[in-house]
Amino acid sequence: MHVRYETSIATMIQFIVGAALTFLSNAVSIISGCTGGADCVSNAFVSLLLVILVIGAYSLLFAIGYVAQEKRSSGLALLLIAAQAFAALIFIFDARQAPGLIDKITNGLSFLIAIWVAYVAFNLYRAKGARIVRSRHNKPSVS
C-alpha cells in the first residue's frame, strides 16, 4: 500500500504508534520510579495525565489529517504540515533531553513519523485539491 496523499491514514498510523510509544515510555517511567523508592502513586498519576495529554494531541493531529484529506484542502494540509513541524521540533528537543535510551528511541521514532506525515501532507498540498496520479512512462515498443 502506498500512502501518497492519504493524510487520514498517515495520521491514524501516527496516532496508533504514538500512543503505543507513549504507553511504553510511561510504563518504563512508572516502573523505574516505583523501584527507586520514590512516591509511586504521584509518579503514576503524573504519567497518566501526560498520557492523556499526548493522546489528546495525537487526536487533534488525526482530526486535522482526516479533514484535510476528506476536503482535499490545501490550507488544512499546510496547517497539518505546520503542526507536524512543531511536533517534530518537540520530539527532537525531548530526545536530546531524555535521560534513558528508551525515551530517546521513542522520541526518535515519533520524530521520523512526524516528518513522514508532513511529507504526505505536502503531497496533498501540492495537488491543490486534485487527485494525485502517478505519471506512467511509456516504454518503447520492441519490434
Protein backbone atom coordinates (compact mmCIF):
# COMPACT_ATOMS: atom_id res chain seq x y z
CA MET A 1 0.00 0.00 0.00
CA HIS A 2 1.35 3.37 -0.99
CA VAL A 3 0.35 6.37 1.08
CA ARG A 4 0.83 9.34 -1.22
CA TYR A 5 -1.66 11.90 -0.03
CA GLU A 6 -3.86 9.94 2.38
CA THR A 7 -3.26 12.12 5.40
CA SER A 8 -6.02 10.39 7.35
CA ILE A 9 -4.24 7.03 7.08
CA ALA A 10 -0.86 8.59 7.86
CA THR A 11 -2.15 10.43 10.94
CA MET A 12 -4.04 7.31 12.08
CA ILE A 13 -0.79 5.35 11.92
CA GLN A 14 0.89 8.19 13.80
CA PHE A 15 -1.87 8.09 16.43
CA ILE A 16 -1.57 4.33 16.98
CA VAL A 17 2.23 4.22 17.04
CA GLY A 18 2.50 7.41 19.10
CA ALA A 19 0.01 6.16 21.69
CA ALA A 20 1.82 2.83 21.95
CA LEU A 21 5.20 4.53 22.33
CA THR A 22 3.77 6.89 24.95
CA PHE A 23 2.37 3.99 26.95
CA LEU A 24 5.70 2.16 26.71
CA SER A 25 7.74 5.16 27.75
CA ASN A 26 5.48 6.00 30.69
CA ALA A 27 5.28 2.37 31.82
CA VAL A 28 9.07 2.29 31.98
CA SER A 29 8.99 5.59 33.90
CA ILE A 30 6.45 4.27 36.41
CA ILE A 31 8.31 1.00 36.93
CA SER A 32 11.67 2.70 37.39
CA GLY A 33 10.10 5.29 39.73
CA CYS A 34 8.43 2.66 41.89
CA THR A 35 11.55 0.52 42.21
CA GLY A 36 13.67 3.52 43.17
CA GLY A 37 11.76 4.06 46.39
CA ALA A 38 10.06 7.25 45.23
CA ASP A 39 6.39 8.03 45.69
CA CYS A 40 4.83 5.55 43.30
CA VAL A 41 1.29 6.92 43.35
CA SER A 42 2.18 10.51 42.45
CA ASN A 43 4.54 9.32 39.70
CA ALA A 44 1.81 7.12 38.24
CA PHE A 45 -0.72 9.96 38.43
CA VAL A 46 1.56 12.40 36.63
CA SER A 47 2.37 9.77 34.00
CA LEU A 48 -1.34 9.13 33.47
CA LEU A 49 -2.00 12.84 32.97
CA LEU A 50 0.87 13.01 30.50
CA VAL A 51 -0.53 10.06 28.55
CA ILE A 52 -3.95 11.73 28.38
CA LEU A 53 -2.44 14.99 27.10
CA VAL A 54 -0.29 13.25 24.49
CA ILE A 55 -3.19 11.15 23.21
CA GLY A 56 -5.29 14.32 23.02
CA ALA A 57 -2.58 15.98 20.90
CA TYR A 58 -2.37 12.94 18.61
CA SER A 59 -6.17 13.00 18.32
CA LEU A 60 -6.04 16.63 17.21
CA LEU A 61 -3.41 15.81 14.58
CA PHE A 62 -5.53 12.87 13.41
CA ALA A 63 -8.61 15.10 13.11
CA ILE A 64 -6.71 17.69 11.06
CA GLY A 65 -5.31 14.95 8.80
CA TYR A 66 -8.72 13.35 8.30
CA VAL A 67 -10.47 16.62 7.43
CA ALA A 68 -7.60 17.71 5.16
CA GLN A 69 -7.93 14.52 3.14
CA GLU A 70 -11.73 14.49 3.04
CA LYS A 71 -11.96 18.08 1.84
CA ARG A 72 -8.73 17.88 -0.18
CA SER A 73 -7.90 21.20 1.39
CA SER A 74 -4.51 22.69 0.70
CA GLY A 75 -5.00 25.12 3.60
CA LEU A 76 -5.59 22.30 6.06
CA ALA A 77 -2.65 20.44 4.55
CA LEU A 78 -0.48 23.47 5.34
CA LEU A 79 -1.89 23.53 8.88
CA LEU A 80 -1.03 19.84 9.24
CA ILE A 81 2.50 20.47 7.94
CA ALA A 82 2.97 23.27 10.47
CA ALA A 83 1.58 21.13 13.31
CA GLN A 84 3.84 18.22 12.34
CA ALA A 85 6.87 20.53 12.15
CA PHE A 86 6.06 21.78 15.64
CA ALA A 87 5.63 18.20 16.88
CA ALA A 88 8.93 17.17 15.26
CA LEU A 89 10.66 20.07 16.99
CA ILE A 90 9.25 18.93 20.34
CA PHE A 91 10.33 15.32 19.68
CA ILE A 92 13.88 16.38 18.81
CA PHE A 93 14.12 18.60 21.88
CA ASP A 94 12.69 15.86 24.09
CA ALA A 95 15.04 13.24 22.61
CA ARG A 96 18.06 15.43 23.32
CA GLN A 97 16.95 15.93 26.94
CA ALA A 98 15.81 12.33 27.55
CA PRO A 99 17.70 10.55 30.31
CA GLY A 100 17.12 6.97 29.11
CA LEU A 101 17.68 5.03 25.93
CA ILE A 102 14.01 4.04 25.61
CA ASP A 103 12.94 7.69 25.74
CA LYS A 104 15.49 8.59 23.07
CA ILE A 105 14.28 5.76 20.81
CA THR A 106 10.58 6.56 21.25
CA ASN A 107 11.15 10.25 20.55
CA GLY A 108 13.32 9.42 17.54
CA LEU A 109 10.61 7.19 16.08
CA SER A 110 7.98 9.82 16.77
CA PHE A 111 10.17 12.40 15.02
CA LEU A 112 10.51 10.20 11.93
CA ILE A 113 6.76 9.58 11.80
CA ALA A 114 6.06 13.32 12.11
CA ILE A 115 8.39 14.04 9.18
CA TRP A 116 6.69 11.30 7.13
CA VAL A 117 3.20 12.68 7.86
CA ALA A 118 4.40 16.18 6.93
CA TYR A 119 5.67 14.76 3.62
CA VAL A 120 2.31 13.12 2.94
CA ALA A 121 0.55 16.40 3.77
CA PHE A 122 2.94 18.21 1.43
CA ASN A 123 1.88 15.88 -1.39
CA LEU A 124 -1.75 16.76 -0.65
CA TYR A 125 -0.86 20.46 -0.63
CA ARG A 126 0.91 20.18 -3.99
CA ALA A 127 -2.16 18.54 -5.52
CA LYS A 128 -4.24 21.68 -4.80
CA GLY A 129 -7.44 19.67 -4.39
CA ALA A 130 -6.94 17.40 -7.38
CA ARG A 131 -6.27 13.70 -7.33
CA ILE A 132 -2.67 12.62 -7.24
CA VAL A 133 -1.87 10.21 -10.02
CA ARG A 134 1.39 8.66 -10.86
CA SER A 135 2.78 9.52 -14.26
CA ARG A 136 3.26 6.49 -16.44
CA HIS A 137 6.35 6.23 -18.51
CA ASN A 138 5.66 4.80 -21.92
CA LYS A 139 8.09 2.06 -22.62
CA PRO A 140 9.37 1.97 -26.15
CA SER A 141 7.85 -0.89 -28.05
CA VAL A 142 10.20 -3.61 -29.14
CA SER A 143 9.74 -4.55 -32.80
